[in-house]
Amino acid sequence: TRVGPQQSRIGLNQMFPWFGTLSAKGDVATEQAKSQ
């Protein structure tokens, strides 16, 4: 590149579900625990 050769790279990625998906899954598991 203009500023020098690129030797290596490191990357970090995080996926996020649609808003409210995790809390809805928590509600499912909570009610299942109450059922148990």
All heavy atoms as atom14 arrays in JSON, in Angstrom:
{
  "sequence": "TRVGPQQSRIGLNQMFPWFGTLSAKGDVATEQAKSQ",
  "atom14_mask": [
    [1, 1, 1, 1, 1, 1, 1, 0, 0, 0, 0, 0, 0, 0],
    [1, 1, 1, 1, 1, 1, 1, 1, 1, 1, 1, 0, 0, 0],
    [1, 1, 1, 1, 1, 1, 1, 0, 0, 0, 0, 0, 0, 0],
    [1, 1, 1, 1, 0, 0, 0, 0, 0, 0, 0, 0, 0, 0],
    [1, 1, 1, 1, 1, 1, 1, 0, 0, 0, 0, 0, 0, 0],
    [1, 1, 1, 1, 1, 1, 1, 1, 1, 0, 0, 0, 0, 0],
    [1, 1, 1, 1, 1, 1, 1, 1, 1, 0, 0, 0, 0, 0],
    [1, 1, 1, 1, 1, 1, 0, 0, 0, 0, 0, 0, 0, 0],
    [1, 1, 1, 1, 1, 1, 1, 1, 1, 1, 1, 0, 0, 0],
    [1, 1, 1, 1, 1, 1, 1, 1, 0, 0, 0, 0, 0, 0],
    [1, 1, 1, 1, 0, 0, 0, 0, 0, 0, 0, 0, 0, 0],
    [1, 1, 1, 1, 1, 1, 1, 1, 0, 0, 0, 0, 0, 0],
    [1, 1, 1, 1, 1, 1, 1, 1, 0, 0, 0, 0, 0, 0],
    [1, 1, 1, 1, 1, 1, 1, 1, 1, 0, 0, 0, 0, 0],
    [1, 1, 1, 1, 1, 1, 1, 1, 0, 0, 0, 0, 0, 0],
    [1, 1, 1, 1, 1, 1, 1, 1, 1, 1, 1, 0, 0, 0],
    [1, 1, 1, 1, 1, 1, 1, 0, 0, 0, 0, 0, 0, 0],
    [1, 1, 1, 1, 1, 1, 1, 1, 1, 1, 1, 1, 1, 1],
    [1, 1, 1, 1, 1, 1, 1, 1, 1, 1, 1, 0, 0, 0],
    [1, 1, 1, 1, 0, 0, 0, 0, 0, 0, 0, 0, 0, 0],
    [1, 1, 1, 1, 1, 1, 1, 0, 0, 0, 0, 0, 0, 0],
    [1, 1, 1, 1, 1, 1, 1, 1, 0, 0, 0, 0, 0, 0],
    [1, 1, 1, 1, 1, 1, 0, 0, 0, 0, 0, 0, 0, 0],
    [1, 1, 1, 1, 1, 0, 0, 0, 0, 0, 0, 0, 0, 0],
    [1, 1, 1, 1, 1, 1, 1, 1, 1, 0, 0, 0, 0, 0],
    [1, 1, 1, 1, 0, 0, 0, 0, 0, 0, 0, 0, 0, 0],
    [1, 1, 1, 1, 1, 1, 1, 1, 0, 0, 0, 0, 0, 0],
    [1, 1, 1, 1, 1, 1, 1, 0, 0, 0, 0, 0, 0, 0],
    [1, 1, 1, 1, 1, 0, 0, 0, 0, 0, 0, 0, 0, 0],
    [1, 1, 1, 1, 1, 1, 1, 0, 0, 0, 0, 0, 0, 0],
    [1, 1, 1, 1, 1, 1, 1, 1, 1, 0, 0, 0, 0, 0],
    [1, 1, 1, 1, 1, 1, 1, 1, 1, 0, 0, 0, 0, 0],
    [1, 1, 1, 1, 1, 0, 0, 0, 0, 0, 0, 0, 0, 0],
    [1, 1, 1, 1, 1, 1, 1, 1, 1, 0, 0, 0, 0, 0],
    [1, 1, 1, 1, 1, 1, 0, 0, 0, 0, 0, 0, 0, 0],
    [1, 1, 1, 1, 1, 1, 1, 1, 1, 0, 0, 0, 0, 0]
  ],
  "atom14_positions": [
    [[0.85, -1.19, 0.0], [0.0, 0.0, 0.0], [0.88, 1.24, 0.0], [2.12, 1.15, 0.1], [-0.91, 0.01, 1.23], [-0.11, 0.17, 2.4], [-1.71, -1.27, 1.35], [0.0, 0.0, 0.0], [0.0, 0.0, 0.0], [0.0, 0.0, 0.0], [0.0, 0.0, 0.0], [0.0, 0.0, 0.0], [0.0, 0.0, 0.0], [0.0, 0.0, 0.0]],
    [[0.27, 2.38, -0.1], [1.04, 3.63, -0.16], [1.85, 3.84, 1.1], [2.95, 4.4, 1.07], [0.08, 4.81, -0.36], [0.79, 6.17, -0.51], [-0.22, 7.28, -0.64], [-1.0, 7.42, 0.57], [-0.59, 8.13, 1.64], [0.59, 8.72, 1.65], [-1.35, 8.21, 2.71], [0.0, 0.0, 0.0], [0.0, 0.0, 0.0], [0.0, 0.0, 0.0]],
    [[1.3, 3.39, 2.25], [1.98, 3.64, 3.53], [2.8, 2.45, 3.98], [3.31, 2.44, 5.1], [0.97, 4.03, 4.6], [0.31, 5.36, 4.27], [-0.07, 2.94, 4.78], [0.0, 0.0, 0.0], [0.0, 0.0, 0.0], [0.0, 0.0, 0.0], [0.0, 0.0, 0.0], [0.0, 0.0, 0.0], [0.0, 0.0, 0.0], [0.0, 0.0, 0.0]],
    [[2.88, 1.38, 3.13], [3.71, 0.25, 3.5], [3.01, -1.07, 3.26], [1.79, -1.13, 3.01], [0.0, 0.0, 0.0], [0.0, 0.0, 0.0], [0.0, 0.0, 0.0], [0.0, 0.0, 0.0], [0.0, 0.0, 0.0], [0.0, 0.0, 0.0], [0.0, 0.0, 0.0], [0.0, 0.0, 0.0], [0.0, 0.0, 0.0], [0.0, 0.0, 0.0]],
    [[3.72, -2.18, 3.36], [3.12, -3.51, 3.13], [2.3, -3.99, 4.33], [2.72, -3.84, 5.47], [4.34, -4.4, 2.9], [5.44, -3.73, 3.67], [5.19, -2.25, 3.56], [0.0, 0.0, 0.0], [0.0, 0.0, 0.0], [0.0, 0.0, 0.0], [0.0, 0.0, 0.0], [0.0, 0.0, 0.0], [0.0, 0.0, 0.0], [0.0, 0.0, 0.0]],
    [[1.14, -4.53, 4.02], [0.28, -5.1, 5.08], [0.73, -6.54, 5.35], [0.72, -7.38, 4.45], [-1.19, -5.05, 4.66], [-1.74, -3.64, 4.51], [-3.2, -3.64, 4.09], [-3.73, -4.65, 3.63], [-3.85, -2.49, 4.24], [0.0, 0.0, 0.0], [0.0, 0.0, 0.0], [0.0, 0.0, 0.0], [0.0, 0.0, 0.0], [0.0, 0.0, 0.0]],
    [[1.05, -6.83, 6.62], [1.6, -8.13, 6.97], [0.55, -9.09, 7.54], [0.56, -10.28, 7.25], [2.72, -7.94, 8.01], [3.91, -7.14, 7.5], [4.71, -7.91, 6.47], [4.58, -9.13, 6.34], [5.52, -7.19, 5.7], [0.0, 0.0, 0.0], [0.0, 0.0, 0.0], [0.0, 0.0, 0.0], [0.0, 0.0, 0.0], [0.0, 0.0, 0.0]],
    [[-0.35, -8.61, 8.39], [-1.35, -9.48, 9.04], [-2.54, -8.63, 9.49], [-2.47, -7.4, 9.49], [-0.73, -10.22, 10.24], [-0.24, -9.26, 11.18], [0.0, 0.0, 0.0], [0.0, 0.0, 0.0], [0.0, 0.0, 0.0], [0.0, 0.0, 0.0], [0.0, 0.0, 0.0], [0.0, 0.0, 0.0], [0.0, 0.0, 0.0], [0.0, 0.0, 0.0]],
    [[-3.57, -9.33, 9.88], [-4.76, -8.63, 10.36], [-5.45, -9.46, 11.45], [-5.36, -10.69, 11.46], [-5.73, -8.35, 9.22], [-6.35, -9.6, 8.6], [-7.04, -9.29, 7.28], [-8.12, -8.33, 7.45], [-8.71, -7.7, 6.42], [-8.27, -7.93, 5.19], [-9.68, -6.85, 6.64], [0.0, 0.0, 0.0], [0.0, 0.0, 0.0], [0.0, 0.0, 0.0]],
    [[-6.11, -8.79, 12.34], [-6.89, -9.45, 13.39], [-8.29, -8.82, 13.39], [-8.43, -7.6, 13.22], [-6.23, -9.32, 14.77], [-6.98, -10.14, 15.82], [-6.11, -7.86, 15.21], [-6.25, -10.24, 17.15], [0.0, 0.0, 0.0], [0.0, 0.0, 0.0], [0.0, 0.0, 0.0], [0.0, 0.0, 0.0], [0.0, 0.0, 0.0], [0.0, 0.0, 0.0]],
    [[-9.3, -9.66, 13.54], [-10.67, -9.16, 13.48], [-11.55, -9.74, 14.59], [-11.3, -10.84, 15.09], [0.0, 0.0, 0.0], [0.0, 0.0, 0.0], [0.0, 0.0, 0.0], [0.0, 0.0, 0.0], [0.0, 0.0, 0.0], [0.0, 0.0, 0.0], [0.0, 0.0, 0.0], [0.0, 0.0, 0.0], [0.0, 0.0, 0.0], [0.0, 0.0, 0.0]],
    [[-12.55, -8.98, 14.98], [-13.51, -9.41, 16.0], [-14.91, -9.03, 15.52], [-15.15, -7.88, 15.14], [-13.22, -8.74, 17.34], [-14.12, -9.15, 18.51], [-13.9, -10.61, 18.86], [-13.85, -8.26, 19.72], [0.0, 0.0, 0.0], [0.0, 0.0, 0.0], [0.0, 0.0, 0.0], [0.0, 0.0, 0.0], [0.0, 0.0, 0.0], [0.0, 0.0, 0.0]],
    [[-15.84, -10.02, 15.54], [-17.21, -9.78, 15.07], [-18.2, -10.3, 16.1], [-18.01, -11.37, 16.68], [-17.45, -10.5, 13.73], [-16.63, -9.91, 12.61], [-16.89, -8.81, 12.13], [-15.61, -10.65, 12.18], [0.0, 0.0, 0.0], [0.0, 0.0, 0.0], [0.0, 0.0, 0.0], [0.0, 0.0, 0.0], [0.0, 0.0, 0.0], [0.0, 0.0, 0.0]],
    [[-19.26, -9.55, 16.32], [-20.32, -9.93, 17.25], [-21.66, -9.78, 16.54], [-21.98, -8.72, 16.01], [-20.29, -9.05, 18.49], [-21.44, -9.29, 19.46], [-21.37, -10.67, 20.09], [-20.41, -10.98, 20.79], [-22.37, -11.51, 19.85], [0.0, 0.0, 0.0], [0.0, 0.0, 0.0], [0.0, 0.0, 0.0], [0.0, 0.0, 0.0], [0.0, 0.0, 0.0]],
    [[-22.47, -10.87, 16.56], [-23.79, -10.83, 15.96], [-24.82, -10.49, 17.04], [-24.72, -10.91, 18.19], [-24.15, -12.18, 15.33], [-23.31, -12.54, 14.1], [-23.45, -11.36, 12.75], [-25.21, -11.47, 12.35], [0.0, 0.0, 0.0], [0.0, 0.0, 0.0], [0.0, 0.0, 0.0], [0.0, 0.0, 0.0], [0.0, 0.0, 0.0], [0.0, 0.0, 0.0]],
    [[-25.84, -9.74, 16.64], [-26.92, -9.34, 17.54], [-28.26, -9.75, 16.92], [-28.54, -9.38, 15.77], [-26.91, -7.82, 17.76], [-25.67, -7.32, 18.44], [-24.57, -6.92, 17.69], [-25.59, -7.27, 19.82], [-23.42, -6.46, 18.3], [-24.44, -6.81, 20.45], [-23.35, -6.41, 19.69], [0.0, 0.0, 0.0], [0.0, 0.0, 0.0], [0.0, 0.0, 0.0]],
    [[-29.08, -10.51, 17.65], [-30.4, -10.87, 17.11], [-31.32, -9.67, 17.09], [-31.01, -8.61, 17.63], [-30.89, -11.95, 18.08], [-30.2, -11.64, 19.36], [-28.85, -11.07, 19.0], [0.0, 0.0, 0.0], [0.0, 0.0, 0.0], [0.0, 0.0, 0.0], [0.0, 0.0, 0.0], [0.0, 0.0, 0.0], [0.0, 0.0, 0.0], [0.0, 0.0, 0.0]],
    [[-32.48, -9.87, 16.49], [-33.47, -8.8, 16.41], [-33.9, -8.37, 17.82], [-33.87, -9.15, 18.76], [-34.68, -9.26, 15.59], [-35.66, -8.16, 15.29], [-36.84, -7.93, 15.91], [-35.52, -7.14, 14.31], [-37.47, -6.84, 15.39], [-36.67, -6.32, 14.39], [-34.54, -6.83, 13.35], [-36.89, -5.22, 13.57], [-34.76, -5.73, 12.53], [-35.91, -4.94, 12.64]],
    [[-34.3, -7.12, 17.92], [-34.64, -6.54, 19.21], [-35.7, -7.38, 19.94], [-36.75, -7.68, 19.38], [-35.17, -5.12, 19.02], [-34.25, -4.25, 18.21], [-34.53, -3.96, 16.88], [-33.08, -3.76, 18.76], [-33.68, -3.17, 16.12], [-32.22, -2.97, 18.01], [-32.52, -2.67, 16.68], [0.0, 0.0, 0.0], [0.0, 0.0, 0.0], [0.0, 0.0, 0.0]],
    [[-35.4, -7.73, 21.17], [-36.34, -8.46, 22.01], [-36.28, -9.97, 21.86], [-37.0, -10.69, 22.58], [0.0, 0.0, 0.0], [0.0, 0.0, 0.0], [0.0, 0.0, 0.0], [0.0, 0.0, 0.0], [0.0, 0.0, 0.0], [0.0, 0.0, 0.0], [0.0, 0.0, 0.0], [0.0, 0.0, 0.0], [0.0, 0.0, 0.0], [0.0, 0.0, 0.0]],
    [[-35.43, -10.47, 20.95], [-35.37, -11.92, 20.73], [-34.84, -12.65, 21.97], [-35.39, -13.67, 22.4], [-34.5, -12.25, 19.51], [-35.03, -11.62, 18.36], [-34.44, -13.76, 19.29], [0.0, 0.0, 0.0], [0.0, 0.0, 0.0], [0.0, 0.0, 0.0], [0.0, 0.0, 0.0], [0.0, 0.0, 0.0], [0.0, 0.0, 0.0], [0.0, 0.0, 0.0]],
    [[-33.78, -12.13, 22.55], [-33.18, -12.8, 23.71], [-34.12, -12.8, 24.91], [-34.23, -13.81, 25.63], [-31.86, -12.12, 24.08], [-30.73, -12.25, 23.05], [-29.48, -11.55, 23.56], [-30.44, -13.71, 22.75], [0.0, 0.0, 0.0], [0.0, 0.0, 0.0], [0.0, 0.0, 0.0], [0.0, 0.0, 0.0], [0.0, 0.0, 0.0], [0.0, 0.0, 0.0]],
    [[-34.81, -11.68, 25.15], [-35.74, -11.64, 26.28], [-36.91, -12.59, 26.06], [-37.4, -13.22, 27.01], [-36.24, -10.21, 26.5], [-36.95, -9.76, 25.35], [0.0, 0.0, 0.0], [0.0, 0.0, 0.0], [0.0, 0.0, 0.0], [0.0, 0.0, 0.0], [0.0, 0.0, 0.0], [0.0, 0.0, 0.0], [0.0, 0.0, 0.0], [0.0, 0.0, 0.0]],
    [[-37.35, -12.72, 24.79], [-38.43, -13.66, 24.48], [-37.98, -15.1, 24.73], [-38.73, -15.92, 25.27], [-38.88, -13.49, 23.04], [0.0, 0.0, 0.0], [0.0, 0.0, 0.0], [0.0, 0.0, 0.0], [0.0, 0.0, 0.0], [0.0, 0.0, 0.0], [0.0, 0.0, 0.0], [0.0, 0.0, 0.0], [0.0, 0.0, 0.0], [0.0, 0.0, 0.0]],
    [[-36.74, -15.42, 24.35], [-36.22, -16.76, 24.63], [-36.11, -16.99, 26.14], [-36.36, -18.1, 26.63], [-34.85, -16.94, 23.98], [-34.89, -17.05, 22.47], [-33.49, -17.3, 21.9], [-33.54, -17.51, 20.4], [-32.2, -17.77, 19.83], [0.0, 0.0, 0.0], [0.0, 0.0, 0.0], [0.0, 0.0, 0.0], [0.0, 0.0, 0.0], [0.0, 0.0, 0.0]],
    [[-35.73, -15.94, 26.88], [-35.67, -16.07, 28.33], [-37.04, -16.33, 28.93], [-37.17, -17.11, 29.88], [0.0, 0.0, 0.0], [0.0, 0.0, 0.0], [0.0, 0.0, 0.0], [0.0, 0.0, 0.0], [0.0, 0.0, 0.0], [0.0, 0.0, 0.0], [0.0, 0.0, 0.0], [0.0, 0.0, 0.0], [0.0, 0.0, 0.0], [0.0, 0.0, 0.0]],
    [[-38.07, -15.69, 28.36], [-39.44, -15.92, 28.84], [-39.86, -17.37, 28.6], [-40.51, -17.98, 29.46], [-40.41, -14.97, 28.13], [-40.19, -13.52, 28.54], [-39.65, -13.29, 29.63], [-40.55, -12.62, 27.76], [0.0, 0.0, 0.0], [0.0, 0.0, 0.0], [0.0, 0.0, 0.0], [0.0, 0.0, 0.0], [0.0, 0.0, 0.0], [0.0, 0.0, 0.0]],
    [[-39.48, -17.91, 27.45], [-39.8, -19.32, 27.15], [-39.16, -20.23, 28.19], [-39.81, -21.12, 28.76], [-39.32, -19.7, 25.73], [-39.47, -21.21, 25.51], [-40.12, -18.95, 24.68], [0.0, 0.0, 0.0], [0.0, 0.0, 0.0], [0.0, 0.0, 0.0], [0.0, 0.0, 0.0], [0.0, 0.0, 0.0], [0.0, 0.0, 0.0], [0.0, 0.0, 0.0]],
    [[-37.87, -20.02, 28.45], [-37.15, -20.88, 29.39], [-37.67, -20.7, 30.82], [-37.76, -21.67, 31.58], [-35.66, -20.57, 29.34], [0.0, 0.0, 0.0], [0.0, 0.0, 0.0], [0.0, 0.0, 0.0], [0.0, 0.0, 0.0], [0.0, 0.0, 0.0], [0.0, 0.0, 0.0], [0.0, 0.0, 0.0], [0.0, 0.0, 0.0], [0.0, 0.0, 0.0]],
    [[-38.03, -19.47, 31.18], [-38.54, -19.22, 32.54], [-39.86, -19.96, 32.77], [-40.06, -20.59, 33.82], [-38.74, -17.72, 32.76], [-37.47, -17.05, 32.63], [-39.3, -17.44, 34.14], [0.0, 0.0, 0.0], [0.0, 0.0, 0.0], [0.0, 0.0, 0.0], [0.0, 0.0, 0.0], [0.0, 0.0, 0.0], [0.0, 0.0, 0.0], [0.0, 0.0, 0.0]],
    [[-40.76, -19.87, 31.8], [-42.04, -20.56, 31.93], [-41.86, -22.07, 31.93], [-42.58, -22.79, 32.63], [-42.99, -20.13, 30.81], [-43.35, -18.65, 30.79], [-44.03, -18.21, 32.07], [-44.75, -19.02, 32.68], [-43.83, -17.05, 32.48], [0.0, 0.0, 0.0], [0.0, 0.0, 0.0], [0.0, 0.0, 0.0], [0.0, 0.0, 0.0], [0.0, 0.0, 0.0]],
    [[-40.9, -22.56, 31.18], [-40.62, -24.0, 31.19], [-40.09, -24.43, 32.55], [-40.42, -25.52, 33.04], [-39.6, -24.34, 30.09], [-40.17, -24.37, 28.69], [-41.13, -25.52, 28.45], [-41.21, -26.46, 29.24], [-41.88, -25.44, 27.38], [0.0, 0.0, 0.0], [0.0, 0.0, 0.0], [0.0, 0.0, 0.0], [0.0, 0.0, 0.0], [0.0, 0.0, 0.0]],
    [[-39.27, -23.59, 33.18], [-38.76, -23.92, 34.51], [-39.91, -23.95, 35.52], [-39.96, -24.83, 36.39], [-37.71, -22.9, 34.94], [0.0, 0.0, 0.0], [0.0, 0.0, 0.0], [0.0, 0.0, 0.0], [0.0, 0.0, 0.0], [0.0, 0.0, 0.0], [0.0, 0.0, 0.0], [0.0, 0.0, 0.0], [0.0, 0.0, 0.0], [0.0, 0.0, 0.0]],
    [[-40.83, -22.99, 35.42], [-42.0, -22.99, 36.3], [-42.83, -24.25, 36.08], [-43.36, -24.84, 37.03], [-42.84, -21.75, 36.05], [-42.17, -20.44, 36.48], [-43.06, -19.25, 36.15], [-42.4, -17.93, 36.55], [-43.25, -16.77, 36.19], [0.0, 0.0, 0.0], [0.0, 0.0, 0.0], [0.0, 0.0, 0.0], [0.0, 0.0, 0.0], [0.0, 0.0, 0.0]],
    [[-42.95, -24.64, 34.82], [-43.69, -25.87, 34.51], [-43.02, -27.09, 35.14], [-43.69, -27.98, 35.67], [-43.78, -26.04, 32.99], [-44.34, -27.29, 32.65], [0.0, 0.0, 0.0], [0.0, 0.0, 0.0], [0.0, 0.0, 0.0], [0.0, 0.0, 0.0], [0.0, 0.0, 0.0], [0.0, 0.0, 0.0], [0.0, 0.0, 0.0], [0.0, 0.0, 0.0]],
    [[-41.68, -27.11, 35.11], [-40.96, -28.23, 35.7], [-41.13, -28.27, 37.21], [-41.2, -29.35, 37.81], [-39.47, -28.13, 35.36], [-38.63, -29.3, 35.84], [-39.1, -30.64, 35.3], [-39.35, -30.77, 34.11], [-39.24, -31.63, 36.17], [0.0, 0.0, 0.0], [0.0, 0.0, 0.0], [0.0, 0.0, 0.0], [0.0, 0.0, 0.0], [0.0, 0.0, 0.0]]
  ]
}
